[in-house]
Amino acid sequence: MEQQEGGLTLNPNNALDLAMAYNKLGDNNKAIQILKILEDSKLGYDTLKYESIAVGVFKEMDNYKEAFSTYWDFSHRWDSINAIKFDQKAASIKEKHQIEFMAQNESQRHSRIIWGCIGGIIILLMGVFILILILLFRSKNANEKLALEKARSKEAENAKLKAEKDMVALENERYELENKNLQLEMDKKALEAENLAHRVTELENESESLKALIAIICKGIKRRCLI
């Protein structure tokens, strides 16, 4: 895989550098000899570098045909390489754009998922908030209804107690009135009894007076009879 020149062991790249050095020194025969050995060796080497050196060597040796042919091959190979590089670069740019596009789509998808999750969470929170409001409203209505029922029950109970108190008061008034009537009746009976006793006393007094009068009359009659 190596060639020897002047006792030196060279690899293909070193051989090209040596040929270029001979060309710079003006020893183009040595340079073309090295290039010929390298070409016949079938070793792998930098073709563009080889042809660029060969063009200069052939031109300085006034071998314009070989120089033009080599330059033509060099130019064609260079254009091909540039085209390949351009295609590779274009493919790389296209692939990069595709990757960026895919990354953008993935980012948008992630953003949609994130915003969807955020929207879902917001909707869920709104639903929970509305549910809490509904429960609070129902609880408030239930409490108000319960308070109203308690107030009505308390009012009814108070009304019942008032009615019972009124009934008791009326009953007490009735009892008091009956007691007054009974007292009046008793006072009336007592007065009648007192009047009756007074009348009896008067009658007794009248009877005594009548008896005394009768006795006087009887005495008078007896006296007359005796005369």
Protein backbone atom coordinates (compact mmCIF):
# COMPACT_ATOMS: atom_id res chain seq x y z
CA MET A 1 0.00 0.00 0.00
CA GLU A 2 3.02 2.28 0.00
CA GLN A 3 5.56 3.45 -2.65
CA GLN A 4 9.25 4.20 -2.22
CA GLU A 5 10.86 7.30 -3.72
CA GLY A 6 14.54 8.05 -3.10
CA GLY A 7 14.62 5.52 -0.30
CA LEU A 8 11.69 7.13 1.43
CA THR A 9 8.49 5.29 2.21
CA LEU A 10 5.46 7.38 1.13
CA ASN A 11 1.72 6.92 1.36
CA PRO A 12 -0.54 8.30 -1.42
CA ASN A 13 -1.13 11.66 0.25
CA ASN A 14 2.58 12.14 0.97
CA ALA A 15 3.31 11.19 -2.63
CA LEU A 16 0.93 13.93 -3.85
CA ASP A 17 2.58 16.42 -1.53
CA LEU A 18 6.01 15.37 -2.90
CA ALA A 19 4.80 15.73 -6.49
CA MET A 20 3.49 19.22 -5.69
CA ALA A 21 6.85 20.07 -4.13
CA TYR A 22 8.72 18.93 -7.27
CA ASN A 23 6.31 21.02 -9.35
CA LYS A 24 7.00 24.09 -7.24
CA LEU A 25 10.75 23.46 -7.60
CA GLY A 26 10.35 23.19 -11.38
CA ASP A 27 11.29 19.51 -11.55
CA ASN A 28 8.16 18.48 -13.40
CA ASN A 29 9.68 15.26 -14.68
CA LYS A 30 10.02 14.00 -11.11
CA ALA A 31 6.53 15.28 -10.37
CA ILE A 32 4.98 13.51 -13.38
CA GLN A 33 6.93 10.36 -12.56
CA ILE A 34 5.50 10.30 -9.03
CA LEU A 35 1.99 10.97 -10.36
CA LYS A 36 2.39 8.14 -12.92
CA ILE A 37 3.60 5.71 -10.22
CA LEU A 38 0.69 6.71 -7.99
CA GLU A 39 -1.83 6.27 -10.83
CA ASP A 40 -0.44 2.83 -11.77
CA SER A 41 -0.43 1.69 -8.16
CA LYS A 42 -4.24 1.60 -8.05
CA LEU A 43 -4.01 2.86 -4.49
CA GLY A 44 -6.69 5.06 -3.09
CA TYR A 45 -5.79 8.74 -3.27
CA ASP A 46 -7.39 12.19 -3.47
CA THR A 47 -8.36 12.37 -7.15
CA LEU A 48 -9.08 16.10 -7.13
CA LYS A 49 -5.73 16.87 -5.52
CA TYR A 50 -4.04 14.55 -8.02
CA GLU A 51 -5.70 16.25 -11.02
CA SER A 52 -5.07 19.78 -9.69
CA ILE A 53 -1.33 18.97 -9.40
CA ALA A 54 -1.29 17.21 -12.78
CA VAL A 55 -2.89 20.24 -14.54
CA GLY A 56 -0.09 22.50 -13.31
CA VAL A 57 2.60 19.97 -14.22
CA PHE A 58 1.25 19.37 -17.78
CA LYS A 59 0.80 23.11 -18.33
CA GLU A 60 4.39 23.89 -17.34
CA MET A 61 5.57 21.01 -19.56
CA ASP A 62 3.61 22.66 -22.44
CA ASN A 63 1.45 19.52 -22.73
CA TYR A 64 -1.71 21.57 -23.10
CA LYS A 65 -3.74 18.66 -24.44
CA GLU A 66 -3.17 16.61 -21.30
CA ALA A 67 -3.49 19.75 -19.20
CA PHE A 68 -6.86 20.58 -20.82
CA SER A 69 -8.05 16.95 -20.62
CA THR A 70 -6.99 16.70 -16.99
CA TYR A 71 -8.53 20.09 -16.24
CA TRP A 72 -11.71 18.98 -17.97
CA ASP A 73 -11.84 15.84 -15.85
CA PHE A 74 -11.00 17.90 -12.77
CA SER A 75 -13.68 20.47 -13.56
CA HIS A 76 -16.27 17.80 -14.35
CA ARG A 77 -15.35 15.84 -11.22
CA TRP A 78 -15.35 19.07 -9.18
CA ASP A 79 -18.76 20.01 -10.56
CA SER A 80 -20.01 16.50 -9.85
CA ILE A 81 -18.67 16.68 -6.34
CA ASN A 82 -20.19 20.13 -5.91
CA ALA A 83 -23.45 18.83 -7.34
CA ILE A 84 -23.32 15.88 -4.96
CA LYS A 85 -22.47 18.25 -2.13
CA PHE A 86 -25.27 20.55 -3.26
CA ASP A 87 -27.67 17.60 -3.43
CA GLN A 88 -26.45 16.41 -0.06
CA LYS A 89 -26.76 19.92 1.33
CA ALA A 90 -30.20 20.31 -0.27
CA ALA A 91 -31.20 16.91 1.09
CA SER A 92 -29.75 17.89 4.44
CA ILE A 93 -31.64 21.20 4.33
CA LYS A 94 -34.79 19.39 3.22
CA GLU A 95 -34.31 16.80 5.94
CA LYS A 96 -33.61 19.60 8.41
CA HIS A 97 -36.76 21.39 7.25
CA GLN A 98 -38.70 18.15 7.50
CA ILE A 99 -37.30 17.56 10.99
CA GLU A 100 -38.11 21.17 11.92
CA PHE A 101 -41.56 20.79 10.36
CA MET A 102 -42.11 17.53 12.22
CA ALA A 103 -40.76 19.12 15.40
CA GLN A 104 -43.05 22.11 14.81
CA ASN A 105 -46.01 19.80 14.20
CA GLU A 106 -45.08 17.79 17.28
CA SER A 107 -44.71 21.02 19.25
CA GLN A 108 -48.08 22.21 17.95
CA ARG A 109 -49.57 18.82 18.80
CA HIS A 110 -48.09 19.04 22.28
CA SER A 111 -49.33 22.62 22.54
CA ARG A 112 -52.80 21.51 21.45
CA ILE A 113 -52.68 18.67 23.97
CA ILE A 114 -51.47 21.03 26.70
CA TRP A 115 -54.05 23.68 25.83
CA GLY A 116 -56.67 20.97 25.52
CA CYS A 117 -55.74 19.73 28.98
CA ILE A 118 -55.75 23.30 30.29
CA GLY A 119 -59.11 23.91 28.61
CA GLY A 120 -60.44 20.65 30.02
CA ILE A 121 -59.18 21.58 33.48
CA ILE A 122 -60.74 25.06 33.15
CA ILE A 123 -64.05 23.54 31.99
CA LEU A 124 -63.85 21.01 34.83
CA LEU A 125 -63.13 23.77 37.35
CA MET A 126 -65.98 25.84 35.91
CA GLY A 127 -68.25 22.80 36.18
CA VAL A 128 -67.16 22.23 39.78
CA PHE A 129 -67.62 25.95 40.52
CA ILE A 130 -71.09 25.95 38.95
CA LEU A 131 -71.95 22.75 40.84
CA ILE A 132 -70.77 24.36 44.08
CA LEU A 133 -72.87 27.45 43.30
CA ILE A 134 -75.89 25.24 42.59
CA LEU A 135 -75.34 23.29 45.82
CA LEU A 136 -74.89 26.52 47.76
CA PHE A 137 -78.02 27.97 46.16
CA ARG A 138 -79.98 24.82 46.95
CA SER A 139 -78.56 24.76 50.47
CA LYS A 140 -79.48 28.41 50.90
CA ASN A 141 -83.00 27.77 49.60
CA ALA A 142 -83.28 24.70 51.84
CA ASN A 143 -82.05 26.70 54.83
CA GLU A 144 -84.43 29.54 54.01
CA LYS A 145 -87.29 27.09 53.55
CA LEU A 146 -86.38 25.34 56.81
CA ALA A 147 -86.11 28.70 58.58
CA LEU A 148 -89.48 29.73 57.10
CA GLU A 149 -91.04 26.44 58.18
CA LYS A 150 -89.53 26.86 61.65
CA ALA A 151 -90.81 30.44 61.78
CA ARG A 152 -94.25 29.32 60.66
CA SER A 153 -94.18 26.44 63.14
CA LYS A 154 -93.03 28.81 65.88
CA GLU A 155 -95.69 31.30 64.87
CA ALA A 156 -98.34 28.57 64.84
CA GLU A 157 -97.10 27.30 68.20
CA ASN A 158 -97.14 30.83 69.60
CA ALA A 159 -100.63 31.34 68.18
CA LYS A 160 -101.70 28.04 69.73
CA LEU A 161 -100.18 29.01 73.08
CA LYS A 162 -101.85 32.43 72.85
CA ALA A 163 -105.16 30.79 72.01
CA GLU A 164 -104.72 28.41 74.93
CA LYS A 165 -103.84 31.34 77.20
CA ASP A 166 -106.85 33.23 75.89
CA MET A 167 -109.02 30.17 76.52
CA VAL A 168 -107.61 29.86 80.03
CA ALA A 169 -108.19 33.57 80.57
CA LEU A 170 -111.75 33.26 79.28
CA GLU A 171 -112.28 30.19 81.43
CA ASN A 172 -110.90 32.07 84.43
CA GLU A 173 -113.15 35.00 83.63
CA ARG A 174 -116.10 32.59 83.35
CA TYR A 175 -115.21 31.00 86.66
CA GLU A 176 -114.77 34.42 88.20
CA LEU A 177 -118.10 35.56 86.78
CA GLU A 178 -119.78 32.40 88.00
CA ASN A 179 -118.21 32.94 91.42
CA LYS A 180 -119.44 36.52 91.42
CA ASN A 181 -122.92 35.37 90.37
CA LEU A 182 -122.82 32.67 93.05
CA GLN A 183 -121.66 35.24 95.60
CA LEU A 184 -124.43 37.57 94.50
CA GLU A 185 -126.92 34.72 94.76
CA MET A 186 -125.60 33.84 98.21
CA ASP A 187 -125.74 37.48 99.23
CA LYS A 188 -129.27 37.64 97.88
CA LYS A 189 -130.25 34.48 99.79
CA ALA A 190 -128.59 35.84 102.90
CA LEU A 191 -130.42 39.13 102.45
CA GLU A 192 -133.68 37.29 101.90
CA ALA A 193 -132.99 35.17 105.00
CA GLU A 194 -132.19 38.30 106.96
CA ASN A 195 -135.33 39.97 105.67
CA LEU A 196 -137.31 36.83 106.50
CA ALA A 197 -135.84 36.74 110.00
CA HIS A 198 -136.61 40.41 110.39
CA ARG A 199 -140.15 39.76 109.17
CA VAL A 200 -140.50 36.86 111.57
CA THR A 201 -139.29 39.10 114.36
CA GLU A 202 -141.76 41.75 113.31
CA LEU A 203 -144.53 39.16 113.15
CA GLU A 204 -143.53 37.86 116.55
CA ASN A 205 -143.59 41.40 117.90
CA GLU A 206 -146.93 42.00 116.25
CA SER A 207 -148.18 38.69 117.71
CA GLU A 208 -147.04 39.73 121.19
CA SER A 209 -148.66 43.10 120.76
CA LEU A 210 -151.82 41.43 119.54
CA LYS A 211 -151.75 39.03 122.46
CA ALA A 212 -151.31 41.92 124.86
CA LEU A 213 -154.15 43.77 123.20
CA ILE A 214 -156.38 40.69 123.38
CA ALA A 215 -155.50 40.28 127.03
CA ILE A 216 -156.40 43.90 127.73
CA ILE A 217 -159.65 43.49 125.85
CA CYS A 218 -160.44 40.30 127.72
CA LYS A 219 -159.74 42.04 131.01
CA GLY A 220 -161.99 44.86 130.05
CA ILE A 221 -164.76 42.48 129.11
CA LYS A 222 -164.41 40.62 132.36
CA ARG A 223 -164.64 43.83 134.29
CA ARG A 224 -167.76 44.77 132.51
CA CYS A 225 -169.24 41.39 133.13
CA LEU A 226 -168.49 41.69 136.82
CA ILE A 227 -170.18 45.03 137.09
